[in-house]
Amino acid sequence: IKEKKVPTYRTHHGPITHMVDGQWTASAMMWEPVKALEQSYVRT
């Protein structure tokens, strides 16, 4: 097993995931794991 250190970058929009038109681009999506898990169970 080998290891690789990778720097990560984040703005308030989300983590930087790729480049678009030469600009760093952040991806925004729903990431509220506690509430999501709660909803998934309460539903049943």
PDB file of all heavy atoms in Angstrom:
ATOM      1  N   ILE A   1       0.851  -1.188   0.000  1.00  0.00           N
ATOM      2  CA  ILE A   1       0.000   0.000   0.000  1.00  0.00           C
ATOM      3  C   ILE A   1       0.886   1.236   0.000  1.00  0.00           C
ATOM      4  O   ILE A   1       1.791   1.371   0.829  1.00  0.00           O
ATOM      5  CB  ILE A   1      -0.923   0.026   1.234  1.00  0.00           C
ATOM      6  CG1 ILE A   1      -1.889  -1.150   1.209  1.00  0.00           C
ATOM      7  CG2 ILE A   1      -1.681   1.339   1.311  1.00  0.00           C
ATOM      8  CD1 ILE A   1      -2.935  -1.106   0.118  1.00  0.00           C
ATOM      9  N   LYS A   2       0.645   2.114  -0.949  1.00  0.00           N
ATOM     10  CA  LYS A   2       1.370   3.380  -1.018  1.00  0.00           C
ATOM     11  C   LYS A   2       0.435   4.530  -0.643  1.00  0.00           C
ATOM     12  O   LYS A   2      -0.791   4.367  -0.630  1.00  0.00           O
ATOM     13  CB  LYS A   2       1.951   3.589  -2.413  1.00  0.00           C
ATOM     14  CG  LYS A   2       3.042   2.591  -2.767  1.00  0.00           C
ATOM     15  CD  LYS A   2       3.753   2.987  -4.045  1.00  0.00           C
ATOM     16  CE  LYS A   2       4.944   2.069  -4.328  1.00  0.00           C
ATOM     17  NZ  LYS A   2       5.677   2.472  -5.551  1.00  0.00           N
ATOM     18  N   GLU A   3       1.022   5.678  -0.356  1.00  0.00           N
ATOM     19  CA  GLU A   3       0.251   6.851   0.028  1.00  0.00           C
ATOM     20  C   GLU A   3       0.546   8.022  -0.899  1.00  0.00           C
ATOM     21  O   GLU A   3       1.653   8.145  -1.428  1.00  0.00           O
ATOM     22  CB  GLU A   3       0.576   7.264   1.465  1.00  0.00           C
ATOM     23  CG  GLU A   3       0.115   6.284   2.510  1.00  0.00           C
ATOM     24  CD  GLU A   3       0.335   6.813   3.921  1.00  0.00           C
ATOM     25  OE1 GLU A   3       0.961   7.887   4.062  1.00  0.00           O
ATOM     26  OE2 GLU A   3      -0.120   6.157   4.877  1.00  0.00           O
ATOM     27  N   LYS A   4      -0.461   8.848  -1.068  1.00  0.00           N
ATOM     28  CA  LYS A   4      -0.306  10.053  -1.872  1.00  0.00           C
ATOM     29  C   LYS A   4      -1.000  11.201  -1.148  1.00  0.00           C
ATOM     30  O   LYS A   4      -2.189  11.112  -0.825  1.00  0.00           O
ATOM     31  CB  LYS A   4      -0.933   9.847  -3.264  1.00  0.00           C
ATOM     32  CG  LYS A   4      -0.782  11.022  -4.198  1.00  0.00           C
ATOM     33  CD  LYS A   4      -1.287  10.664  -5.596  1.00  0.00           C
ATOM     34  CE  LYS A   4      -1.018  11.800  -6.571  1.00  0.00           C
ATOM     35  NZ  LYS A   4      -1.383  11.427  -7.958  1.00  0.00           N
ATOM     36  N   LYS A   5      -0.255  12.271  -0.863  1.00  0.00           N
ATOM     37  CA  LYS A   5      -0.835  13.446  -0.222  1.00  0.00           C
ATOM     38  C   LYS A   5      -1.381  14.377  -1.298  1.00  0.00           C
ATOM     39  O   LYS A   5      -0.691  14.689  -2.273  1.00  0.00           O
ATOM     40  CB  LYS A   5       0.214  14.171   0.612  1.00  0.00           C
ATOM     41  CG  LYS A   5       0.665  13.390   1.839  1.00  0.00           C
ATOM     42  CD  LYS A   5       1.670  14.186   2.660  1.00  0.00           C
ATOM     43  CE  LYS A   5       2.116  13.395   3.901  1.00  0.00           C
ATOM     44  NZ  LYS A   5       3.101  14.158   4.698  1.00  0.00           N
ATOM     45  N   VAL A   6      -2.612  14.811  -1.088  1.00  0.00           N
ATOM     46  CA  VAL A   6      -3.263  15.668  -2.075  1.00  0.00           C
ATOM     47  C   VAL A   6      -3.822  16.897  -1.365  1.00  0.00           C
ATOM     48  O   VAL A   6      -4.576  16.761  -0.386  1.00  0.00           O
ATOM     49  CB  VAL A   6      -4.407  14.922  -2.789  1.00  0.00           C
ATOM     50  CG1 VAL A   6      -5.077  15.826  -3.820  1.00  0.00           C
ATOM     51  CG2 VAL A   6      -3.885  13.655  -3.468  1.00  0.00           C
ATOM     52  N   PRO A   7      -3.479  18.109  -1.823  1.00  0.00           N
ATOM     53  CA  PRO A   7      -4.073  19.311  -1.236  1.00  0.00           C
ATOM     54  C   PRO A   7      -5.530  19.431  -1.677  1.00  0.00           C
ATOM     55  O   PRO A   7      -5.898  19.003  -2.778  1.00  0.00           O
ATOM     56  CB  PRO A   7      -3.228  20.442  -1.816  1.00  0.00           C
ATOM     57  CG  PRO A   7      -2.727  19.898  -3.115  1.00  0.00           C
ATOM     58  CD  PRO A   7      -2.542  18.428  -2.914  1.00  0.00           C
ATOM     59  N   THR A   8      -6.361  19.986  -0.829  1.00  0.00           N
ATOM     60  CA  THR A   8      -7.760  20.207  -1.181  1.00  0.00           C
ATOM     61  C   THR A   8      -8.097  21.676  -0.999  1.00  0.00           C
ATOM     62  O   THR A   8      -7.495  22.375  -0.179  1.00  0.00           O
ATOM     63  CB  THR A   8      -8.694  19.359  -0.302  1.00  0.00           C
ATOM     64  OG1 THR A   8      -8.522  19.739   1.077  1.00  0.00           O
ATOM     65  CG2 THR A   8      -8.392  17.873  -0.461  1.00  0.00           C
ATOM     66  N   TYR A   9      -9.062  22.134  -1.763  1.00  0.00           N
ATOM     67  CA  TYR A   9      -9.434  23.546  -1.756  1.00  0.00           C
ATOM     68  C   TYR A   9     -10.957  23.648  -1.713  1.00  0.00           C
ATOM     69  O   TYR A   9     -11.669  22.872  -2.358  1.00  0.00           O
ATOM     70  CB  TYR A   9      -8.905  24.245  -3.009  1.00  0.00           C
ATOM     71  CG  TYR A   9      -7.442  23.976  -3.282  1.00  0.00           C
ATOM     72  CD1 TYR A   9      -7.064  22.979  -4.181  1.00  0.00           C
ATOM     73  CD2 TYR A   9      -6.440  24.696  -2.635  1.00  0.00           C
ATOM     74  CE1 TYR A   9      -5.719  22.714  -4.431  1.00  0.00           C
ATOM     75  CE2 TYR A   9      -5.097  24.439  -2.870  1.00  0.00           C
ATOM     76  CZ  TYR A   9      -4.745  23.445  -3.771  1.00  0.00           C
ATOM     77  OH  TYR A   9      -3.419  23.175  -4.005  1.00  0.00           O
ATOM     78  N   ARG A  10     -11.426  24.636  -0.981  1.00  0.00           N
ATOM     79  CA  ARG A  10     -12.875  24.789  -0.816  1.00  0.00           C
ATOM     80  C   ARG A  10     -13.237  26.261  -0.699  1.00  0.00           C
ATOM     81  O   ARG A  10     -12.523  27.039  -0.047  1.00  0.00           O
ATOM     82  CB  ARG A  10     -13.338  24.029   0.430  1.00  0.00           C
ATOM     83  CG  ARG A  10     -14.787  24.230   0.814  1.00  0.00           C
ATOM     84  CD  ARG A  10     -15.137  23.461   2.082  1.00  0.00           C
ATOM     85  NE  ARG A  10     -15.185  22.039   1.842  1.00  0.00           N
ATOM     86  CZ  ARG A  10     -16.268  21.375   1.427  1.00  0.00           C
ATOM     87  NH1 ARG A  10     -17.387  22.031   1.201  1.00  0.00           N
ATOM     88  NH2 ARG A  10     -16.229  20.067   1.263  1.00  0.00           N
ATOM     89  N   THR A  11     -14.343  26.631  -1.351  1.00  0.00           N
ATOM     90  CA  THR A  11     -14.954  27.937  -1.130  1.00  0.00           C
ATOM     91  C   THR A  11     -16.305  27.696  -0.454  1.00  0.00           C
ATOM     92  O   THR A  11     -16.669  26.555  -0.194  1.00  0.00           O
ATOM     93  CB  THR A  11     -15.162  28.687  -2.457  1.00  0.00           C
ATOM     94  OG1 THR A  11     -16.215  28.037  -3.201  1.00  0.00           O
ATOM     95  CG2 THR A  11     -13.879  28.700  -3.286  1.00  0.00           C
ATOM     96  N   HIS A  12     -17.046  28.755  -0.203  1.00  0.00           N
ATOM     97  CA  HIS A  12     -18.345  28.559   0.439  1.00  0.00           C
ATOM     98  C   HIS A  12     -19.324  27.825  -0.471  1.00  0.00           C
ATOM     99  O   HIS A  12     -20.364  27.337  -0.022  1.00  0.00           O
ATOM    100  CB  HIS A  12     -18.935  29.905   0.894  1.00  0.00           C
ATOM    101  CG  HIS A  12     -19.445  30.767  -0.208  1.00  0.00           C
ATOM    102  ND1 HIS A  12     -18.617  31.474  -1.045  1.00  0.00           N
ATOM    103  CD2 HIS A  12     -20.719  31.037  -0.623  1.00  0.00           C
ATOM    104  CE1 HIS A  12     -19.339  32.153  -1.919  1.00  0.00           C
ATOM    105  NE2 HIS A  12     -20.608  31.904  -1.686  1.00  0.00           N
ATOM    106  N   HIS A  13     -18.982  27.749  -1.774  1.00  0.00           N
ATOM    107  CA  HIS A  13     -19.847  27.019  -2.703  1.00  0.00           C
ATOM    108  C   HIS A  13     -19.659  25.507  -2.589  1.00  0.00           C
ATOM    109  O   HIS A  13     -20.568  24.741  -2.910  1.00  0.00           O
ATOM    110  CB  HIS A  13     -19.557  27.440  -4.147  1.00  0.00           C
ATOM    111  CG  HIS A  13     -19.896  28.859  -4.444  1.00  0.00           C
ATOM    112  ND1 HIS A  13     -18.963  29.781  -4.884  1.00  0.00           N
ATOM    113  CD2 HIS A  13     -21.074  29.526  -4.346  1.00  0.00           C
ATOM    114  CE1 HIS A  13     -19.551  30.947  -5.060  1.00  0.00           C
ATOM    115  NE2 HIS A  13     -20.831  30.819  -4.732  1.00  0.00           N
ATOM    116  N   GLY A  14     -18.468  25.093  -2.167  1.00  0.00           N
ATOM    117  CA  GLY A  14     -18.171  23.669  -2.097  1.00  0.00           C
ATOM    118  C   GLY A  14     -16.715  23.411  -2.447  1.00  0.00           C
ATOM    119  O   GLY A  14     -15.925  24.348  -2.645  1.00  0.00           O
ATOM    120  N   PRO A  15     -16.322  22.150  -2.549  1.00  0.00           N
ATOM    121  CA  PRO A  15     -14.928  21.837  -2.875  1.00  0.00           C
ATOM    122  C   PRO A  15     -14.611  22.157  -4.343  1.00  0.00           C
ATOM    123  O   PRO A  15     -15.483  22.067  -5.215  1.00  0.00           O
ATOM    124  CB  PRO A  15     -14.840  20.327  -2.622  1.00  0.00           C
ATOM    125  CG  PRO A  15     -16.233  19.835  -2.804  1.00  0.00           C
ATOM    126  CD  PRO A  15     -17.132  20.932  -2.325  1.00  0.00           C
ATOM    127  N   ILE A  16     -13.359  22.527  -4.596  1.00  0.00           N
ATOM    128  CA  ILE A  16     -12.895  22.700  -5.968  1.00  0.00           C
ATOM    129  C   ILE A  16     -12.705  21.311  -6.560  1.00  0.00           C
ATOM    130  O   ILE A  16     -11.953  20.490  -6.034  1.00  0.00           O
ATOM    131  CB  ILE A  16     -11.573  23.482  -6.027  1.00  0.00           C
ATOM    132  CG1 ILE A  16     -11.725  24.858  -5.357  1.00  0.00           C
ATOM    133  CG2 ILE A  16     -11.090  23.626  -7.467  1.00  0.00           C
ATOM    134  CD1 ILE A  16     -12.693  25.795  -6.039  1.00  0.00           C
ATOM    135  N   THR A  17     -13.406  21.048  -7.665  1.00  0.00           N
ATOM    136  CA  THR A  17     -13.369  19.704  -8.247  1.00  0.00           C
ATOM    137  C   THR A  17     -12.748  19.655  -9.642  1.00  0.00           C
ATOM    138  O   THR A  17     -12.302  18.590 -10.070  1.00  0.00           O
ATOM    139  CB  THR A  17     -14.789  19.111  -8.333  1.00  0.00           C
ATOM    140  OG1 THR A  17     -15.634  20.023  -9.046  1.00  0.00           O
ATOM    141  CG2 THR A  17     -15.369  18.871  -6.933  1.00  0.00           C
ATOM    142  N   HIS A  18     -12.718  20.795 -10.359  1.00  0.00           N
ATOM    143  CA  HIS A  18     -12.191  20.745 -11.724  1.00  0.00           C
ATOM    144  C   HIS A  18     -12.006  22.159 -12.252  1.00  0.00           C
ATOM    145  O   HIS A  18     -12.241  23.141 -11.542  1.00  0.00           O
ATOM    146  CB  HIS A  18     -13.118  19.942 -12.633  1.00  0.00           C
ATOM    147  CG  HIS A  18     -14.517  20.493 -12.748  1.00  0.00           C
ATOM    148  ND1 HIS A  18     -15.398  20.529 -11.695  1.00  0.00           N
ATOM    149  CD2 HIS A  18     -15.185  21.021 -13.809  1.00  0.00           C
ATOM    150  CE1 HIS A  18     -16.550  21.046 -12.101  1.00  0.00           C
ATOM    151  NE2 HIS A  18     -16.444  21.369 -13.367  1.00  0.00           N
ATOM    152  N   MET A  19     -11.579  22.236 -13.505  1.00  0.00           N
ATOM    153  CA  MET A  19     -11.381  23.528 -14.171  1.00  0.00           C
ATOM    154  C   MET A  19     -12.427  23.702 -15.274  1.00  0.00           C
ATOM    155  O   MET A  19     -12.779  22.745 -15.967  1.00  0.00           O
ATOM    156  CB  MET A  19      -9.997  23.575 -14.813  1.00  0.00           C
ATOM    157  CG  MET A  19      -8.848  23.571 -13.841  1.00  0.00           C
ATOM    158  SD  MET A  19      -8.334  25.241 -13.372  1.00  0.00           S
ATOM    159  CE  MET A  19      -7.323  25.704 -14.773  1.00  0.00           C
ATOM    160  N   VAL A  20     -12.902  24.934 -15.437  1.00  0.00           N
ATOM    161  CA  VAL A  20     -13.773  25.292 -16.554  1.00  0.00           C
ATOM    162  C   VAL A  20     -13.306  26.634 -17.095  1.00  0.00           C
ATOM    163  O   VAL A  20     -13.187  27.606 -16.336  1.00  0.00           O
ATOM    164  CB  VAL A  20     -15.253  25.385 -16.129  1.00  0.00           C
ATOM    165  CG1 VAL A  20     -16.111  25.879 -17.298  1.00  0.00           C
ATOM    166  CG2 VAL A  20     -15.767  24.041 -15.630  1.00  0.00           C
ATOM    167  N   ASP A  21     -13.008  26.673 -18.372  1.00  0.00           N
ATOM    168  CA  ASP A  21     -12.552  27.914 -19.009  1.00  0.00           C
ATOM    169  C   ASP A  21     -11.367  28.531 -18.270  1.00  0.00           C
ATOM    170  O   ASP A  21     -11.282  29.754 -18.085  1.00  0.00           O
ATOM    171  CB  ASP A  21     -13.696  28.938 -19.089  1.00  0.00           C
ATOM    172  CG  ASP A  21     -14.882  28.432 -19.900  1.00  0.00           C
ATOM    173  OD1 ASP A  21     -14.646  27.642 -20.847  1.00  0.00           O
ATOM    174  OD2 ASP A  21     -16.020  28.799 -19.590  1.00  0.00           O
ATOM    175  N   GLY A  22     -10.484  27.678 -17.803  1.00  0.00           N
ATOM    176  CA  GLY A  22      -9.282  28.148 -17.125  1.00  0.00           C
ATOM    177  C   GLY A  22      -9.492  28.587 -15.690  1.00  0.00           C
ATOM    178  O   GLY A  22      -8.568  29.091 -15.056  1.00  0.00           O
ATOM    179  N   GLN A  23     -10.688  28.390 -15.140  1.00  0.00           N
ATOM    180  CA  GLN A  23     -10.965  28.815 -13.765  1.00  0.00           C
ATOM    181  C   GLN A  23     -11.224  27.606 -12.871  1.00  0.00           C
ATOM    182  O   GLN A  23     -11.875  26.634 -13.276  1.00  0.00           O
ATOM    183  CB  GLN A  23     -12.204  29.729 -13.725  1.00  0.00           C
ATOM    184  CG  GLN A  23     -11.981  31.107 -14.314  1.00  0.00           C
ATOM    185  CD  GLN A  23     -13.231  31.963 -14.194  1.00  0.00           C
ATOM    186  OE1 GLN A  23     -14.002  32.102 -15.139  1.00  0.00           O
ATOM    187  NE2 GLN A  23     -13.431  32.538 -13.013  1.00  0.00           N
ATOM    188  N   TRP A  24     -10.722  27.696 -11.645  1.00  0.00           N
ATOM    189  CA  TRP A  24     -11.057  26.682 -10.654  1.00  0.00           C
ATOM    190  C   TRP A  24     -12.577  26.700 -10.457  1.00  0.00           C
ATOM    191  O   TRP A  24     -13.195  27.768 -10.366  1.00  0.00           O
ATOM    192  CB  TRP A  24     -10.390  26.991  -9.323  1.00  0.00           C
ATOM    193  CG  TRP A  24      -8.902  26.780  -9.310  1.00  0.00           C
ATOM    194  CD1 TRP A  24      -8.073  26.669 -10.377  1.00  0.00           C
ATOM    195  CD2 TRP A  24      -8.096  26.666  -8.140  1.00  0.00           C
ATOM    196  NE1 TRP A  24      -6.781  26.478  -9.962  1.00  0.00           N
ATOM    197  CE2 TRP A  24      -6.764  26.473  -8.584  1.00  0.00           C
ATOM    198  CE3 TRP A  24      -8.350  26.699  -6.776  1.00  0.00           C
ATOM    199  CZ2 TRP A  24      -5.697  26.321  -7.704  1.00  0.00           C
ATOM    200  CZ3 TRP A  24      -7.292  26.541  -5.895  1.00  0.00           C
ATOM    201  CH2 TRP A  24      -5.974  26.352  -6.354  1.00  0.00           C
ATOM    202  N   THR A  25     -13.154  25.512 -10.354  1.00  0.00           N
ATOM    203  CA  THR A  25     -14.615  25.418 -10.284  1.00  0.00           C
ATOM    204  C   THR A  25     -15.032  24.560  -9.099  1.00  0.00           C
ATOM    205  O   THR A  25     -14.538  23.446  -8.909  1.00  0.00           O
ATOM    206  CB  THR A  25     -15.173  24.838 -11.599  1.00  0.00           C
ATOM    207  OG1 THR A  25     -14.783  25.690 -12.681  1.00  0.00           O
ATOM    208  CG2 THR A  25     -16.688  24.734 -11.556  1.00  0.00           C
ATOM    209  N   ALA A  26     -15.939  25.113  -8.297  1.00  0.00           N
ATOM    210  CA  ALA A  26     -16.453  24.415  -7.121  1.00  0.00           C
ATOM    211  C   ALA A  26     -17.772  23.740  -7.467  1.00  0.00           C
ATOM    212  O   ALA A  26     -18.577  24.267  -8.246  1.00  0.00           O
ATOM    213  CB  ALA A  26     -16.663  25.400  -5.972  1.00  0.00           C
ATOM    214  N   SER A  27     -17.984  22.571  -6.884  1.00  0.00           N
ATOM    215  CA  SER A  27     -19.231  21.830  -7.085  1.00  0.00           C
ATOM    216  C   SER A  27     -20.086  21.924  -5.830  1.00  0.00           C
ATOM    217  O   SER A  27     -19.628  21.622  -4.727  1.00  0.00           O
ATOM    218  CB  SER A  27     -18.937  20.363  -7.396  1.00  0.00           C
ATOM    219  OG  SER A  27     -18.296  20.232  -8.659  1.00  0.00           O
ATOM    220  N   ALA A  28     -21.341  22.347  -6.021  1.00  0.00           N
ATOM    221  CA  ALA A  28     -22.274  22.495  -4.903  1.00  0.00           C
ATOM    222  C   ALA A  28     -23.359  21.440  -5.004  1.00  0.00           C
ATOM    223  O   ALA A  28     -23.947  21.238  -6.071  1.00  0.00           O
ATOM    224  CB  ALA A  28     -22.896  23.886  -4.924  1.00  0.00           C
ATOM    225  N   MET A  29     -23.615  20.757  -3.907  1.00  0.00           N
ATOM    226  CA  MET A  29     -24.712  19.793  -3.877  1.00  0.00           C
ATOM    227  C   MET A  29     -25.184  19.625  -2.437  1.00  0.00           C
ATOM    228  O   MET A  29     -24.554  20.124  -1.498  1.00  0.00           O
ATOM    229  CB  MET A  29     -24.289  18.451  -4.464  1.00  0.00           C
ATOM    230  CG  MET A  29     -23.291  17.662  -3.637  1.00  0.00           C
ATOM    231  SD  MET A  29     -22.894  16.099  -4.466  1.00  0.00           S
ATOM    232  CE  MET A  29     -22.152  15.202  -3.100  1.00  0.00           C
ATOM    233  N   MET A  30     -26.287  18.899  -2.264  1.00  0.00           N
ATOM    234  CA  MET A  30     -26.793  18.642  -0.925  1.00  0.00           C
ATOM    235  C   MET A  30     -25.792  17.768  -0.170  1.00  0.00           C
ATOM    236  O   MET A  30     -25.401  16.707  -0.637  1.00  0.00           O
ATOM    237  CB  MET A  30     -28.149  17.923  -1.013  1.00  0.00           C
ATOM    238  CG  MET A  30     -28.898  17.813   0.316  1.00  0.00           C
ATOM    239  SD  MET A  30     -28.286  16.575   1.485  1.00  0.00           S
ATOM    240  CE  MET A  30     -28.658  15.065   0.610  1.00  0.00           C
ATOM    241  N   TRP A  31     -25.353  18.242   0.996  1.00  0.00           N
ATOM    242  CA  TRP A  31     -24.481  17.428   1.829  1.00  0.00           C
ATOM    243  C   TRP A  31     -24.821  17.685   3.284  1.00  0.00           C
ATOM    244  O   TRP A  31     -24.142  18.403   4.006  1.00  0.00           O
ATOM    245  CB  TRP A  31     -23.003  17.710   1.535  1.00  0.00           C
ATOM    246  CG  TRP A  31     -22.164  16.574   2.052  1.00  0.00           C
ATOM    247  CD1 TRP A  31     -21.478  16.518   3.220  1.00  0.00           C
ATOM    248  CD2 TRP A  31     -21.969  15.303   1.431  1.00  0.00           C
ATOM    249  NE1 TRP A  31     -20.868  15.302   3.378  1.00  0.00           N
ATOM    250  CE2 TRP A  31     -21.146  14.529   2.276  1.00  0.00           C
ATOM    251  CE3 TRP A  31     -22.415  14.732   0.232  1.00  0.00           C
ATOM    252  CZ2 TRP A  31     -20.760  13.219   1.978  1.00  0.00           C
ATOM    253  CZ3 TRP A  31     -22.026  13.439  -0.070  1.00  0.00           C
ATOM    254  CH2 TRP A  31     -21.208  12.705   0.802  1.00  0.00           C
ATOM    255  N   GLU A  32     -25.941  17.092   3.704  1.00  0.00           N
ATOM    256  CA  GLU A  32     -26.372  17.160   5.100  1.00  0.00           C
ATOM    257  C   GLU A  32     -26.641  15.731   5.558  1.00  0.00           C
ATOM    258  O   GLU A  32     -27.791  15.297   5.646  1.00  0.00           O
ATOM    259  CB  GLU A  32     -27.626  18.021   5.227  1.00  0.00           C
ATOM    260  CG  GLU A  32     -27.405  19.475   4.847  1.00  0.00           C
ATOM    261  CD  GLU A  32     -28.606  20.333   5.168  1.00  0.00           C
ATOM    262  OE1 GLU A  32     -28.867  20.533   6.373  1.00  0.00           O
ATOM    263  OE2 GLU A  32     -29.285  20.778   4.243  1.00  0.00           O
ATOM    264  N   PRO A  33     -25.578  14.981   5.828  1.00  0.00           N
ATOM    265  CA  PRO A  33     -25.742  13.539   6.055  1.00  0.00           C
ATOM    266  C   PRO A  33     -26.636  13.174   7.223  1.00  0.00           C
ATOM    267  O   PRO A  33     -27.357  12.176   7.161  1.00  0.00           O
ATOM    268  CB  PRO A  33     -24.309  13.049   6.265  1.00  0.00           C
ATOM    269  CG  PRO A  33     -23.491  14.259   6.556  1.00  0.00           C
ATOM    270  CD  PRO A  33     -24.159  15.390   5.858  1.00  0.00           C
ATOM    271  N   VAL A  34     -26.612  13.957   8.302  1.00  0.00           N
ATOM    272  CA  VAL A  34     -27.447  13.612   9.458  1.00  0.00           C
ATOM    273  C   VAL A  34     -28.925  13.726   9.088  1.00  0.00           C
ATOM    274  O   VAL A  34     -29.725  12.806   9.323  1.00  0.00           O
ATOM    275  CB  VAL A  34     -27.115  14.505  10.667  1.00  0.00           C
ATOM    276  CG1 VAL A  34     -28.073  14.213  11.822  1.00  0.00           C
ATOM    277  CG2 VAL A  34     -25.670  14.298  11.109  1.00  0.00           C
ATOM    278  N   LYS A  35     -29.300  14.844   8.484  1.00  0.00           N
ATOM    279  CA  LYS A  35     -30.698  15.040   8.098  1.00  0.00           C
ATOM    280  C   LYS A  35     -31.127  14.038   7.032  1.00  0.00           C
ATOM    281  O   LYS A  35     -32.255  13.537   7.039  1.00  0.00           O
ATOM    282  CB  LYS A  35     -30.910  16.471   7.600  1.00  0.00           C
ATOM    283  CG  LYS A  35     -30.853  17.520   8.688  1.00  0.00           C
ATOM    284  CD  LYS A  35     -30.959  18.929   8.126  1.00  0.00           C
ATOM    285  CE  LYS A  35     -32.296  19.171   7.458  1.00  0.00           C
ATOM    286  NZ  LYS A  35     -32.413  20.564   6.969  1.00  0.00           N
ATOM    287  N   ALA A  36     -30.217  13.724   6.105  1.00  0.00           N
ATOM    288  CA  ALA A  36     -30.550  12.771   5.045  1.00  0.00           C
ATOM    289  C   ALA A  36     -30.796  11.381   5.623  1.00  0.00           C
ATOM    290  O   ALA A  36     -31.734  10.679   5.224  1.00  0.00           O
ATOM    291  CB  ALA A  36     -29.430  12.726   4.006  1.00  0.00           C
ATOM    292  N   LEU A  37     -29.952  10.984   6.569  1.00  0.00           N
ATOM    293  CA  LEU A  37     -30.113   9.681   7.203  1.00  0.00           C
ATOM    294  C   LEU A  37     -31.396   9.651   8.032  1.00  0.00           C
ATOM    295  O   LEU A  37     -32.132   8.648   8.034  1.00  0.00           O
ATOM    296  CB  LEU A  37     -28.891   9.402   8.082  1.00  0.00           C
ATOM    297  CG  LEU A  37     -28.611   7.957   8.476  1.00  0.00           C
ATOM    298  CD1 LEU A  37     -28.483   7.060   7.268  1.00  0.00           C
ATOM    299  CD2 LEU A  37     -27.337   7.883   9.317  1.00  0.00           C
ATOM    300  N   GLU A  38     -31.654  10.752   8.708  1.00  0.00           N
ATOM    301  CA  GLU A  38     -32.882  10.864   9.497  1.00  0.00           C
ATOM    302  C   GLU A  38     -34.105  10.716   8.604  1.00  0.00           C
ATOM    303  O   GLU A  38     -35.028   9.946   8.901  1.00  0.00           O
ATOM    304  CB  GLU A  38     -32.904  12.220  10.213  1.00  0.00           C
ATOM    305  CG  GLU A  38     -34.117  12.443  11.088  1.00  0.00           C
ATOM    306  CD  GLU A  38     -34.053  13.796  11.802  1.00  0.00           C
ATOM    307  OE1 GLU A  38     -33.036  14.493  11.684  1.00  0.00           O
ATOM    308  OE2 GLU A  38     -35.048  14.122  12.478  1.00  0.00           O
ATOM    309  N   GLN A  39     -34.121  11.418   7.467  1.00  0.00           N
ATOM    310  CA  GLN A  39     -35.267  11.352   6.566  1.00  0.00           C
ATOM    311  C   GLN A  39     -35.439   9.947   5.990  1.00  0.00           C
ATOM    312  O   GLN A  39     -36.553   9.438   5.884  1.00  0.00           O
ATOM    313  CB  GLN A  39     -35.117  12.367   5.430  1.00  0.00           C
ATOM    314  CG  GLN A  39     -36.310  12.382   4.474  1.00  0.00           C
ATOM    315  CD  GLN A  39     -36.297  13.562   3.530  1.00  0.00           C
ATOM    316  OE1 GLN A  39     -35.348  14.329   3.472  1.00  0.00           O
ATOM    317  NE2 GLN A  39     -37.370  13.724   2.774  1.00  0.00           N
ATOM    318  N   SER A  40     -34.330   9.311   5.628  1.00  0.00           N
ATOM    319  CA  SER A  40     -34.399   7.979   5.038  1.00  0.00           C
ATOM    320  C   SER A  40     -35.034   6.977   5.992  1.00  0.00           C
ATOM    321  O   SER A  40     -35.751   6.067   5.559  1.00  0.00           O
ATOM    322  CB  SER A  40     -32.992   7.504   4.655  1.00  0.00           C
ATOM    323  OG  SER A  40     -32.452   8.296   3.622  1.00  0.00           O
ATOM    324  N   TYR A  41     -34.776   7.136   7.284  1.00  0.00           N
ATOM    325  CA  TYR A  41     -35.319   6.190   8.260  1.00  0.00           C
ATOM    326  C   TYR A  41     -36.744   6.562   8.672  1.00  0.00           C
ATOM    327  O   TYR A  41     -37.629   5.700   8.710  1.00  0.00           O
ATOM    328  CB  TYR A  41     -34.425   6.121   9.498  1.00  0.00           C
ATOM    329  CG  TYR A  41     -34.817   4.991  10.418  1.00  0.00           C
ATOM    330  CD1 TYR A  41     -34.405   3.699  10.156  1.00  0.00           C
ATOM    331  CD2 TYR A  41     -35.628   5.217  11.529  1.00  0.00           C
ATOM    332  CE1 TYR A  41     -34.784   2.651  10.974  1.00  0.00           C
ATOM    333  CE2 TYR A  41     -36.012   4.177  12.349  1.00  0.00           C
ATOM    334  CZ  TYR A  41     -35.579   2.891  12.066  1.00  0.00           C
ATOM    335  OH  TYR A  41     -35.963   1.854  12.862  1.00  0.00           O
ATOM    336  N   VAL A  42     -36.964   7.829   8.954  1.00  0.00           N
ATOM    337  CA  VAL A  42     -38.285   8.281   9.408  1.00  0.00           C
ATOM    338  C   VAL A  42     -39.350   7.966   8.360  1.00  0.00           C
ATOM    339  O   VAL A  42     -40.502   7.650   8.699  1.00  0.00           O
ATOM    340  CB  VAL A  42     -38.244   9.792   9.723  1.00  0.00           C
ATOM    341  CG1 VAL A  42     -39.642  10.355   9.918  1.00  0.00           C
ATOM    342  CG2 VAL A  42     -37.407  10.042  10.974  1.00  0.00           C
ATOM    343  N   ARG A  43     -38.969   8.013   7.102  1.00  0.00           N
ATOM    344  CA  ARG A  43     -39.890   7.730   5.997  1.00  0.00           C
ATOM    345  C   ARG A  43     -40.587   6.376   6.177  1.00  0.00           C
ATOM    346  O   ARG A  43     -41.763   6.214   5.892  1.00  0.00           O
ATOM    347  CB  ARG A  43     -39.124   7.740   4.677  1.00  0.00           C
ATOM    348  CG  ARG A  43     -39.941   7.434   3.442  1.00  0.00           C
ATOM    349  CD  ARG A  43     -39.045   7.189   2.238  1.00  0.00           C
ATOM    350  NE  ARG A  43     -38.200   8.328   1.964  1.00  0.00           N
ATOM    351  CZ  ARG A  43     -36.864   8.278   1.876  1.00  0.00           C
ATOM    352  NH1 ARG A  43     -36.226   7.133   2.049  1.00  0.00           N
ATOM    353  NH2 ARG A  43     -36.173   9.353   1.614  1.00  0.00           N
ATOM    354  N   THR A  44     -39.827   5.393   6.656  1.00  0.00           N
ATOM    355  CA  THR A  44     -40.332   4.025   6.697  1.00  0.00           C
ATOM    356  C   THR A  44     -41.383   3.801   7.773  1.00  0.00           C
ATOM    357  O   THR A  44     -42.054   2.765   7.767  1.00  0.00           O
ATOM    358  CB  THR A  44     -39.168   3.032   6.910  1.00  0.00           C
ATOM    359  OG1 THR A  44     -38.620   3.194   8.220  1.00  0.00           O
ATOM    360  CG2 THR A  44     -38.073   3.237   5.885  1.00  0.00           C
TER     361      THR A  44
END
